[in-house]
C-alpha atoms as a PDB file:
ATOM      1  CA  MET A   1      10.845 -82.931-107.326  1.00  0.00           C
ATOM      2  CA  THR A   2      10.562 -80.103-104.909  1.00  0.00           C
ATOM      3  CA  THR A   3      11.487 -80.885-101.269  1.00  0.00           C
ATOM      4  CA  PRO A   4       8.659 -79.954 -98.881  1.00  0.00           C
ATOM      5  CA  PRO A   5       9.405 -77.358 -96.121  1.00  0.00           C
ATOM      6  CA  PRO A   6      10.347 -78.767 -92.660  1.00  0.00           C
ATOM      7  CA  PRO A   7       7.606 -79.249 -90.080  1.00  0.00           C
ATOM      8  CA  PRO A   8       6.848 -76.507 -87.530  1.00  0.00           C
ATOM      9  CA  ALA A   9       9.126 -76.364 -84.446  1.00  0.00           C
ATOM     10  CA  PRO A  10       7.695 -78.483 -81.577  1.00  0.00           C
ATOM     11  CA  ASN A  11       7.348 -75.591 -79.088  1.00  0.00           C
ATOM     12  CA  GLY A  12       6.326 -72.841 -81.377  1.00  0.00           C
ATOM     13  CA  PRO A  13       8.209 -70.341 -83.595  1.00  0.00           C
ATOM     14  CA  GLY A  14      11.829 -69.801 -82.780  1.00  0.00           C
ATOM     15  CA  TYR A  15      12.405 -72.868 -80.582  1.00  0.00           C
ATOM     16  CA  GLY A  16      15.279 -74.840 -82.159  1.00  0.00           C
ATOM     17  CA  TYR A  17      14.755 -73.261 -85.625  1.00  0.00           C
ATOM     18  CA  PRO A  18      15.683 -69.695 -86.415  1.00  0.00           C
ATOM     19  CA  GLN A  19      12.858 -67.844 -88.059  1.00  0.00           C
ATOM     20  CA  GLN A  20      12.962 -66.923 -91.771  1.00  0.00           C
ATOM     21  CA  PRO A  21      11.101 -64.012 -93.360  1.00  0.00           C
ATOM     22  CA  GLY A  22       7.597 -65.082 -94.171  1.00  0.00           C
ATOM     23  CA  GLY A  23       7.203 -67.511 -91.212  1.00  0.00           C
ATOM     24  CA  GLY A  24       9.480 -70.301 -92.523  1.00  0.00           C
ATOM     25  CA  ALA A  25      12.057 -71.917 -90.253  1.00  0.00           C
ATOM     26  CA  GLN A  26      15.765 -72.419 -90.920  1.00  0.00           C
ATOM     27  CA  PRO A  27      16.832 -75.968 -89.857  1.00  0.00           C
ATOM     28  CA  VAL A  28      19.711 -76.111 -87.406  1.00  0.00           C
ATOM     29  CA  PRO A  29      22.652 -78.016 -88.976  1.00  0.00           C
ATOM     30  CA  GLY A  30      22.864 -81.503 -87.444  1.00  0.00           C
ATOM     31  CA  ALA A  31      19.181 -81.598 -86.403  1.00  0.00           C
ATOM     32  CA  PRO A  32      16.973 -84.404 -87.943  1.00  0.00           C
ATOM     33  CA  GLY A  33      14.811 -83.259 -90.786  1.00  0.00           C
ATOM     34  CA  PRO A  34      12.502 -84.697 -93.439  1.00  0.00           C
ATOM     35  CA  ALA A  35      13.452 -87.971 -95.108  1.00  0.00           C
ATOM     36  CA  GLY A  36      15.691 -87.523 -98.146  1.00  0.00           C
ATOM     37  CA  ALA A  37      16.649 -83.905 -97.310  1.00  0.00           C
ATOM     38  CA  ALA A  38      20.382 -83.318 -97.645  1.00  0.00           C
ATOM     39  CA  GLY A  39      22.311 -82.088 -94.610  1.00  0.00           C
ATOM     40  CA  PHE A  40      19.938 -83.440 -91.956  1.00  0.00           C
ATOM     41  CA  GLY A  41      20.574 -85.956 -89.204  1.00  0.00           C
ATOM     42  CA  PRO A  42      23.429 -86.369 -86.702  1.00  0.00           C
ATOM     43  CA  PRO A  43      27.042 -86.747 -87.929  1.00  0.00           C
ATOM     44  CA  PRO A  44      27.866 -90.287 -88.971  1.00  0.00           C
ATOM     45  CA  GLY A  45      28.868 -92.611 -86.195  1.00  0.00           C
ATOM     46  CA  LEU A  46      27.362 -90.567 -83.284  1.00  0.00           C
ATOM     47  CA  PRO A  47      24.639 -92.138 -81.102  1.00  0.00           C
ATOM     48  CA  THR A  48      21.211 -90.710 -81.274  1.00  0.00           C
ATOM     49  CA  ALA A  49      18.873 -89.762 -78.445  1.00  0.00           C
ATOM     50  CA  PRO A  50      15.510 -91.494 -78.114  1.00  0.00           C
ATOM     51  CA  GLY A  51      13.138 -90.204 -80.694  1.00  0.00           C
ATOM     52  CA  MET A  52      15.895 -89.193 -83.153  1.00  0.00           C
ATOM     53  CA  ALA A  53      16.891 -90.823 -86.390  1.00  0.00           C
ATOM     54  CA  PRO A  54      19.785 -93.290 -86.090  1.00  0.00           C
ATOM     55  CA  ALA A  55      23.142 -92.631 -87.697  1.00  0.00           C
ATOM     56  CA  PRO A  56      23.615 -94.170 -91.152  1.00  0.00           C
ATOM     57  CA  GLY A  57      24.391 -97.852 -90.932  1.00  0.00           C
ATOM     58  CA  LEU A  58      22.980 -98.242 -87.408  1.00  0.00           C
ATOM     59  CA  PRO A  59      19.670 -99.940 -86.633  1.00  0.00           C
ATOM     60  CA  ALA A  60      16.928 -97.748 -85.482  1.00  0.00           C
ATOM     61  CA  ALA A  61      15.844 -98.044 -81.858  1.00  0.00           C
ATOM     62  CA  PRO A  62      12.401 -99.501 -81.315  1.00  0.00           C
ATOM     63  CA  GLY A  63       9.817 -96.725 -81.557  1.00  0.00           C
ATOM     64  CA  ALA A  64      12.355 -94.197 -82.630  1.00  0.00           C
ATOM     65  CA  GLY A  65      10.855 -91.317 -84.488  1.00  0.00           C
ATOM     66  CA  ALA A  66      12.261 -88.231 -86.082  1.00  0.00           C
ATOM     67  CA  ALA A  67      11.523 -85.605 -83.443  1.00  0.00           C
ATOM     68  CA  PRO A  68      13.899 -82.624 -83.732  1.00  0.00           C
ATOM     69  CA  ARG A  69      16.630 -82.077 -81.097  1.00  0.00           C
ATOM     70  CA  PRO A  70      16.338 -78.905 -79.079  1.00  0.00           C
ATOM     71  CA  GLY A  71      18.830 -76.228 -80.002  1.00  0.00           C
ATOM     72  CA  ARG A  72      21.913 -75.227 -77.950  1.00  0.00           C
ATOM     73  CA  SER A  73      20.380 -71.843 -77.059  1.00  0.00           C
ATOM     74  CA  GLY A  74      17.486 -73.517 -75.316  1.00  0.00           C
ATOM     75  CA  ASN A  75      19.862 -75.632 -73.159  1.00  0.00           C
ATOM     76  CA  LEU A  76      21.909 -72.579 -72.244  1.00  0.00           C
ATOM     77  CA  ARG A  77      18.782 -70.645 -71.234  1.00  0.00           C
ATOM     78  CA  ARG A  78      17.600 -73.503 -69.017  1.00  0.00           C
ATOM     79  CA  ASN A  79      21.019 -73.910 -67.459  1.00  0.00           C
ATOM     80  CA  ALA A  80      21.224 -70.191 -66.695  1.00  0.00           C
ATOM     81  CA  VAL A  81      17.814 -70.244 -65.080  1.00  0.00           C
ATOM     82  CA  TRP A  82      18.637 -73.154 -62.812  1.00  0.00           C
ATOM     83  CA  ALA A  83      22.014 -71.608 -61.866  1.00  0.00           C
ATOM     84  CA  PHE A  84      20.158 -68.418 -60.861  1.00  0.00           C
ATOM     85  CA  VAL A  85      17.580 -70.378 -58.866  1.00  0.00           C
ATOM     86  CA  GLY A  86      20.338 -72.291 -57.086  1.00  0.00           C
ATOM     87  CA  ALA A  87      22.157 -69.089 -56.184  1.00  0.00           C
ATOM     88  CA  VAL A  88      19.013 -67.577 -54.772  1.00  0.00           C
ATOM     89  CA  ILE A  89      18.376 -70.679 -52.663  1.00  0.00           C
ATOM     90  CA  VAL A  90      21.875 -70.699 -51.303  1.00  0.00           C
ATOM     91  CA  SER A  91      21.707 -66.958 -50.486  1.00  0.00           C
ATOM     92  CA  VAL A  92      18.364 -67.278 -48.715  1.00  0.00           C
ATOM     93  CA  GLY A  93      19.613 -70.273 -46.752  1.00  0.00           C
ATOM     94  CA  TRP A  94      22.768 -68.488 -45.630  1.00  0.00           C
ATOM     95  CA  THR A  95      20.807 -65.415 -44.564  1.00  0.00           C
ATOM     96  CA  ALA A  96      18.429 -67.531 -42.506  1.00  0.00           C
ATOM     97  CA  ALA A  97      21.378 -69.384 -40.889  1.00  0.00           C
ATOM     98  CA  VAL A  98      23.165 -66.124 -39.954  1.00  0.00           C
ATOM     99  CA  MET A  99      19.976 -64.721 -38.397  1.00  0.00           C
ATOM    100  CA  ALA A 100      19.461 -67.945 -36.412  1.00  0.00           C
ATOM    101  CA  VAL A 101      23.155 -68.459 -35.461  1.00  0.00           C
ATOM    102  CA  PRO A 102      25.065 -65.108 -35.548  1.00  0.00           C
ATOM    103  CA  GLY A 103      28.284 -66.901 -34.558  1.00  0.00           C
ATOM    104  CA  LEU A 104      28.595 -68.248 -38.158  1.00  0.00           C
ATOM    105  CA  VAL A 105      29.989 -64.883 -39.216  1.00  0.00           C
ATOM    106  CA  SER A 106      31.912 -64.213 -36.066  1.00  0.00           C
ATOM    107  CA  SER A 107      35.535 -65.218 -35.555  1.00  0.00           C
ATOM    108  CA  GLU A 108      38.170 -65.023 -32.826  1.00  0.00           C
ATOM    109  CA  SER A 109      39.312 -61.685 -34.219  1.00  0.00           C
ATOM    110  CA  SER A 110      35.826 -60.140 -34.505  1.00  0.00           C
ATOM    111  CA  PRO A 111      35.255 -56.933 -32.400  1.00  0.00           C
ATOM    112  CA  ARG A 112      33.529 -57.523 -29.047  1.00  0.00           C
ATOM    113  CA  GLY A 113      31.937 -54.075 -28.418  1.00  0.00           C
ATOM    114  CA  LEU A 114      32.961 -51.320 -25.998  1.00  0.00           C
ATOM    115  CA  ARG A 115      30.033 -51.847 -23.529  1.00  0.00           C
ATOM    116  CA  GLY A 116      29.806 -48.166 -22.610  1.00  0.00           C
ATOM    117  CA  TYR A 117      33.494 -47.572 -21.900  1.00  0.00           C
ATOM    118  CA  HIS A 118      34.855 -44.253 -23.064  1.00  0.00           C
ATOM    119  CA  LEU A 119      37.986 -42.166 -23.052  1.00  0.00           C
ATOM    120  CA  SER A 120      38.901 -39.261 -20.777  1.00  0.00           C
ATOM    121  CA  ASP A 121      41.502 -36.517 -21.413  1.00  0.00           C
ATOM    122  CA  ASP A 122      43.228 -37.124 -18.084  1.00  0.00           C
ATOM    123  CA  PHE A 123      43.537 -40.754 -17.080  1.00  0.00           C
ATOM    124  CA  CYS A 124      45.590 -39.851 -14.005  1.00  0.00           C
ATOM    125  CA  THR A 125      42.297 -38.349 -12.664  1.00  0.00           C
ATOM    126  CA  THR A 126      39.849 -40.891 -14.144  1.00  0.00           C
ATOM    127  CA  GLY A 127      41.946 -43.892 -13.150  1.00  0.00           C
ATOM    128  CA  LYS A 128      43.528 -42.428 -10.012  1.00  0.00           C
ATOM    129  CA  PRO A 129      45.098 -45.276  -7.922  1.00  0.00           C
ATOM    130  CA  THR A 130      43.540 -44.246  -4.638  1.00  0.00           C
ATOM    131  CA  ARG A 131      44.557 -47.342  -2.632  1.00  0.00           C
ATOM    132  CA  ILE A 132      48.236 -47.175  -3.749  1.00  0.00           C
ATOM    133  CA  LEU A 133      48.274 -43.430  -2.781  1.00  0.00           C
ATOM    134  CA  GLN A 134      47.172 -44.326   0.744  1.00  0.00           C
ATOM    135  CA  THR A 135      50.714 -45.666   1.356  1.00  0.00           C
ATOM    136  CA  HIS A 136      52.599 -43.575  -1.233  1.00  0.00           C
ATOM    137  CA  SER A 137      52.768 -39.913  -2.201  1.00  0.00           C
ATOM    138  CA  VAL A 138      53.477 -38.396  -5.559  1.00  0.00           C
ATOM    139  CA  SER A 139      57.144 -37.421  -6.015  1.00  0.00           C
ATOM    140  CA  ASP A 140      57.963 -33.752  -5.514  1.00  0.00           C
ATOM    141  CA  THR A 141      60.458 -33.791  -8.401  1.00  0.00           C
ATOM    142  CA  SER A 142      58.400 -35.615 -11.046  1.00  0.00           C
ATOM    143  CA  ALA A 143      54.751 -34.694 -11.791  1.00  0.00           C
ATOM    144  CA  PRO A 144      52.403 -37.364 -13.146  1.00  0.00           C
ATOM    145  CA  THR A 145      52.138 -37.501 -16.946  1.00  0.00           C
ATOM    146  CA  HIS A 146      49.193 -38.655 -19.035  1.00  0.00           C
ATOM    147  CA  HIS A 147      48.235 -38.978 -22.656  1.00  0.00           C
ATOM    148  CA  THR A 148      45.098 -39.873 -24.661  1.00  0.00           C
ATOM    149  CA  ASP A 149      45.008 -41.103 -28.273  1.00  0.00           C
ATOM    150  CA  ARG A 150      42.014 -41.500 -30.533  1.00  0.00           C
ATOM    151  CA  HIS A 151      41.895 -43.684 -33.679  1.00  0.00           C
ATOM    152  CA  PRO A 152      39.097 -45.335 -35.647  1.00  0.00           C
ATOM    153  CA  ALA A 153      40.514 -48.768 -34.744  1.00  0.00           C
ATOM    154  CA  LEU A 154      41.947 -48.164 -31.236  1.00  0.00           C
ATOM    155  CA  ASP A 155      41.504 -45.525 -28.517  1.00  0.00           C
ATOM    156  CA  SER A 156      44.021 -45.401 -25.740  1.00  0.00           C
ATOM    157  CA  MET A 157      44.823 -43.466 -22.567  1.00  0.00           C
ATOM    158  CA  ASN A 158      47.569 -43.810 -19.998  1.00  0.00           C
ATOM    159  CA  CYS A 159      49.065 -42.363 -16.870  1.00  0.00           C
ATOM    160  CA  SER A 160      52.504 -42.584 -15.332  1.00  0.00           C
ATOM    161  CA  MET A 161      53.377 -41.636 -11.661  1.00  0.00           C
ATOM    162  CA  SER A 162      56.620 -41.524  -9.768  1.00  0.00           C
ATOM    163  CA  LEU A 163      55.843 -42.258  -6.095  1.00  0.00           C
ATOM    164  CA  LYS A 164      57.539 -42.236  -2.687  1.00  0.00           C
ATOM    165  CA  ARG A 165      56.541 -44.491   0.095  1.00  0.00           C
ATOM    166  CA  THR A 166      54.989 -42.457   2.897  1.00  0.00           C
ATOM    167  CA  GLY A 167      57.474 -41.919   5.691  1.00  0.00           C
ATOM    168  CA  GLY A 168      60.423 -43.281   3.708  1.00  0.00           C
ATOM    169  CA  ASN A 169      63.745 -41.500   3.600  1.00  0.00           C
ATOM    170  CA  ASN A 170      65.961 -43.525   1.278  1.00  0.00           C
ATOM    171  CA  ASP A 171      66.106 -44.634  -2.337  1.00  0.00           C
ATOM    172  CA  SER A 172      64.445 -47.967  -1.694  1.00  0.00           C
ATOM    173  CA  GLU A 173      61.260 -46.173  -0.750  1.00  0.00           C
ATOM    174  CA  TYR A 174      60.623 -44.991  -4.361  1.00  0.00           C
ATOM    175  CA  ALA A 175      58.255 -46.701  -6.773  1.00  0.00           C
ATOM    176  CA  ASN A 176      56.562 -46.220 -10.124  1.00  0.00           C
ATOM    177  CA  VAL A 177      52.954 -46.793 -11.149  1.00  0.00           C
ATOM    178  CA  TYR A 178      51.746 -46.997 -14.692  1.00  0.00           C
ATOM    179  CA  LEU A 179      48.142 -47.491 -15.804  1.00  0.00           C
ATOM    180  CA  ARG A 180      46.582 -47.756 -19.264  1.00  0.00           C
ATOM    181  CA  ALA A 181      43.252 -48.497 -20.874  1.00  0.00           C
ATOM    182  CA  ASP A 182      42.672 -49.436 -24.525  1.00  0.00           C
ATOM    183  CA  LEU A 183      39.339 -49.475 -26.404  1.00  0.00           C
ATOM    184  CA  HIS A 184      39.744 -52.046 -29.220  1.00  0.00           C
ATOM    185  CA  LYS A 185      37.215 -51.262 -31.947  1.00  0.00           C
ATOM    186  CA  ALA A 186      38.472 -53.450 -34.805  1.00  0.00           C
ATOM    187  CA  VAL A 187      39.620 -56.727 -33.117  1.00  0.00           C
ATOM    188  CA  ASN A 188      38.916 -58.991 -30.196  1.00  0.00           C
ATOM    189  CA  PRO A 189      41.708 -58.461 -27.609  1.00  0.00           C
ATOM    190  CA  ALA A 190      41.021 -61.681 -25.641  1.00  0.00           C
ATOM    191  CA  PRO A 191      43.615 -63.869 -27.443  1.00  0.00           C
ATOM    192  CA  GLU A 192      46.355 -61.279 -26.880  1.00  0.00           C
ATOM    193  CA  LEU A 193      45.477 -60.951 -23.194  1.00  0.00           C
ATOM    194  CA  GLU A 194      45.623 -64.701 -22.823  1.00  0.00           C
ATOM    195  CA  ALA A 195      48.978 -64.806 -24.622  1.00  0.00           C
ATOM    196  CA  ASN A 196      50.304 -62.083 -22.320  1.00  0.00           C
ATOM    197  CA  LYS A 197      49.411 -64.060 -19.285  1.00  0.00           C
ATOM    198  CA  GLU A 198      51.152 -67.194 -20.565  1.00  0.00           C
ATOM    199  CA  LEU A 199      54.269 -65.249 -21.496  1.00  0.00           C
ATOM    200  CA  TYR A 200      54.556 -63.836 -18.026  1.00  0.00           C
ATOM    201  CA  ARG A 201      54.060 -67.295 -16.502  1.00  0.00           C
ATOM    202  CA  ALA A 202      56.830 -68.681 -18.704  1.00  0.00           C
ATOM    203  CA  ARG A 203      59.151 -65.943 -17.368  1.00  0.00           C
ATOM    204  CA  GLY A 204      58.636 -66.963 -13.802  1.00  0.00           C
ATOM    205  CA  TYR A 205      55.879 -64.558 -12.671  1.00  0.00           C
ATOM    206  CA  GLN A 206      53.236 -65.790 -10.290  1.00  0.00           C
ATOM    207  CA  VAL A 207      49.825 -65.566 -12.045  1.00  0.00           C
ATOM    208  CA  THR A 208      46.564 -65.468 -10.122  1.00  0.00           C
ATOM    209  CA  ASP A 209      43.146 -65.296 -11.827  1.00  0.00           C
ATOM    210  CA  ILE A 210      40.750 -62.724 -10.285  1.00  0.00           C
ATOM    211  CA  ALA A 211      37.034 -63.322 -10.419  1.00  0.00           C
ATOM    212  CA  GLY A 212      34.371 -60.576 -10.627  1.00  0.00           C
ATOM    213  CA  LEU A 213      36.361 -58.020 -12.696  1.00  0.00           C
ATOM    214  CA  GLY A 214      35.030 -57.699 -16.268  1.00  0.00           C
ATOM    215  CA  GLU A 215      35.007 -60.880 -18.363  1.00  0.00           C
ATOM    216  CA  GLU A 216      38.447 -61.887 -17.172  1.00  0.00           C
ATOM    217  CA  ALA A 217      41.216 -60.519 -14.936  1.00  0.00           C
ATOM    218  CA  TYR A 218      44.487 -61.718 -13.515  1.00  0.00           C
ATOM    219  CA  PHE A 219      47.219 -60.571 -11.114  1.00  0.00           C
ATOM    220  CA  LEU A 220      50.933 -60.914 -11.842  1.00  0.00           C
ATOM    221  CA  TYR A 221      53.750 -60.796  -9.244  1.00  0.00           C
ATOM    222  CA  LYS A 222      57.440 -61.286  -9.087  1.00  0.00           C
ATOM    223  CA  ASP A 223      60.152 -60.424  -6.514  1.00  0.00           C
ATOM    224  CA  ASP A 224      63.358 -60.653  -8.499  1.00  0.00           C
ATOM    225  CA  GLY A 225      66.914 -59.971  -7.551  1.00  0.00           C
ATOM    226  CA  SER A 226      70.002 -61.418  -5.910  1.00  0.00           C
ATOM    227  CA  ASP A 227      71.716 -61.094  -2.530  1.00  0.00           C
ATOM    228  CA  LYS A 228      70.133 -58.099  -0.722  1.00  0.00           C
ATOM    229  CA  TYR A 229      68.966 -56.169  -3.777  1.00  0.00           C
ATOM    230  CA  HIS A 230      65.396 -56.856  -5.004  1.00  0.00           C
ATOM    231  CA  SER A 231      63.057 -55.626  -7.695  1.00  0.00           C
ATOM    232  CA  VAL A 232      59.358 -56.021  -7.130  1.00  0.00           C
ATOM    233  CA  TYR A 233      56.850 -56.008  -9.922  1.00  0.00           C
ATOM    234  CA  ALA A 234      53.043 -56.395  -9.689  1.00  0.00           C
ATOM    235  CA  GLU A 235      50.329 -55.947 -12.352  1.00  0.00           C
ATOM    236  CA  LEU A 236      46.635 -56.345 -12.688  1.00  0.00           C
ATOM    237  CA  ASP A 237      45.065 -56.943 -16.137  1.00  0.00           C
ATOM    238  CA  ILE A 238      41.329 -56.654 -16.891  1.00  0.00           C
ATOM    239  CA  ARG A 239      39.314 -57.285 -20.072  1.00  0.00           C
ATOM    240  CA  ASP A 240      35.646 -56.567 -20.569  1.00  0.00           C
ATOM    241  CA  GLY A 241      34.357 -56.826 -24.175  1.00  0.00           C
ATOM    242  CA  GLY A 242      36.713 -54.696 -26.283  1.00  0.00           C
ATOM    243  CA  MET A 243      38.099 -52.780 -23.308  1.00  0.00           C
ATOM    244  CA  THR A 244      41.451 -53.706 -21.719  1.00  0.00           C
ATOM    245  CA  TYR A 245      42.976 -52.099 -18.626  1.00  0.00           C
ATOM    246  CA  TYR A 246      46.071 -52.737 -16.671  1.00  0.00           C
ATOM    247  CA  ILE A 247      47.949 -51.101 -13.798  1.00  0.00           C
ATOM    248  CA  ASN A 248      51.434 -52.071 -12.737  1.00  0.00           C
ATOM    249  CA  TYR A 249      53.614 -51.218  -9.737  1.00  0.00           C
ATOM    250  CA  SER A 250      57.386 -51.504  -9.662  1.00  0.00           C
ATOM    251  CA  ALA A 251      59.902 -50.790  -6.907  1.00  0.00           C
ATOM    252  CA  SER A 252      63.421 -51.664  -5.886  1.00  0.00           C
ATOM    253  CA  TYR A 253      64.752 -52.110  -2.413  1.00  0.00           C
ATOM    254  CA  THR A 254      67.732 -53.248  -0.418  1.00  0.00           C
ATOM    255  CA  GLU A 255      67.140 -55.528   2.534  1.00  0.00           C
ATOM    256  CA  GLY A 256      67.582 -53.759   5.782  1.00  0.00           C
ATOM    257  CA  LYS A 257      67.014 -50.298   4.276  1.00  0.00           C
ATOM    258  CA  GLY A 258      63.346 -50.535   3.309  1.00  0.00           C
ATOM    259  CA  LYS A 259      60.411 -52.901   2.898  1.00  0.00           C
ATOM    260  CA  PRO A 260      58.074 -52.832  -0.102  1.00  0.00           C
ATOM    261  CA  PRO A 261      54.391 -53.844   0.109  1.00  0.00           C
ATOM    262  CA  SER A 262      53.792 -57.603   0.287  1.00  0.00           C
ATOM    263  CA  LYS A 263      52.348 -59.558  -2.578  1.00  0.00           C
ATOM    264  CA  GLU A 264      48.942 -59.684  -0.845  1.00  0.00           C
ATOM    265  CA  GLU A 265      48.984 -55.959  -0.114  1.00  0.00           C
ATOM    266  CA  LEU A 266      49.738 -55.169  -3.719  1.00  0.00           C
ATOM    267  CA  ARG A 267      47.100 -57.581  -5.061  1.00  0.00           C
ATOM    268  CA  SER A 268      44.422 -55.997  -2.873  1.00  0.00           C
ATOM    269  CA  ALA A 269      45.455 -52.459  -3.635  1.00  0.00           C
ATOM    270  CA  LEU A 270      45.666 -52.986  -7.492  1.00  0.00           C
ATOM    271  CA  GLN A 271      42.393 -54.920  -7.542  1.00  0.00           C
ATOM    272  CA  SER A 272      40.596 -52.088  -5.701  1.00  0.00           C
ATOM    273  CA  ASP A 273      42.119 -49.381  -7.928  1.00  0.00           C
ATOM    274  CA  GLY A 274      41.405 -51.375 -11.112  1.00  0.00           C
ATOM    275  CA  GLN A 275      37.778 -51.842 -10.113  1.00  0.00           C
ATOM    276  CA  ASP A 276      37.428 -48.111  -9.463  1.00  0.00           C
ATOM    277  CA  ALA A 277      39.059 -47.240 -12.746  1.00  0.00           C
ATOM    278  CA  VAL A 278      36.881 -49.399 -15.048  1.00  0.00           C
ATOM    279  CA  ARG A 279      33.809 -48.179 -13.202  1.00  0.00           C
ATOM    280  CA  ALA A 280      34.890 -44.495 -13.788  1.00  0.00           C
ATOM    281  CA  MET A 281      35.344 -45.187 -17.546  1.00  0.00           C
ATOM    282  CA  LYS A 282      31.577 -45.809 -17.820  1.00  0.00           C
ATOM    283  CA  LYS A 283      30.501 -42.579 -16.135  1.00  0.00           C
END
């Protein structure tokens, strides 16, 4: 007796059954087929899904029919579609969150912008310490030096001056001033500036926060030495966005032979010169 051909696929040609020439369908091995046809049905001992024929020797579930099981390719297609849809949803959600809360993609090391600050070729002129030069003059034997560096990640300019206290006539009247400005274009300099302040504090420097200069500023001071010989160091640090600036003053003196500026005089002078320098970097 000739076995009749299998019924059409439930969702049209090609769904679960590969097509044969002439419109017939090739059953997928393991899928349920017509009663009595060899090679149809699930492997012995495996459970069957609702609507499928039970394995040999197992009772049929109530209402169980002989509907064919969808092929593996159909499942893979559906899984791929849902995976794509999920990826799109996640991407759209992330984009919306970033637009609403930009800080989600910002970190402690992210650049903070230069806020209009720019380099000059002569920082001894741009950042000239006018207040310090009211009580000091530039040394006759050592001219000021300056240098400017440009780099995609960091621009920098500095100036160094050897000074002599006005009216002084001995070695203790000499001092040095060094000033520098950096434009950080690849990182946020704030954590390093904070670390610098704490390191100075740990080494015994007096640290005073200064309000009204950039985003943050502080003044450092220390009068170090023993017996009659002393070494004075003062520094002002300023940060505004990705710009950092500092100016320091150092001098040595021997008691009875000279008197350096006081802590308050240095703080006032460096603060005034620092304010003028950062303003000039925006012109």
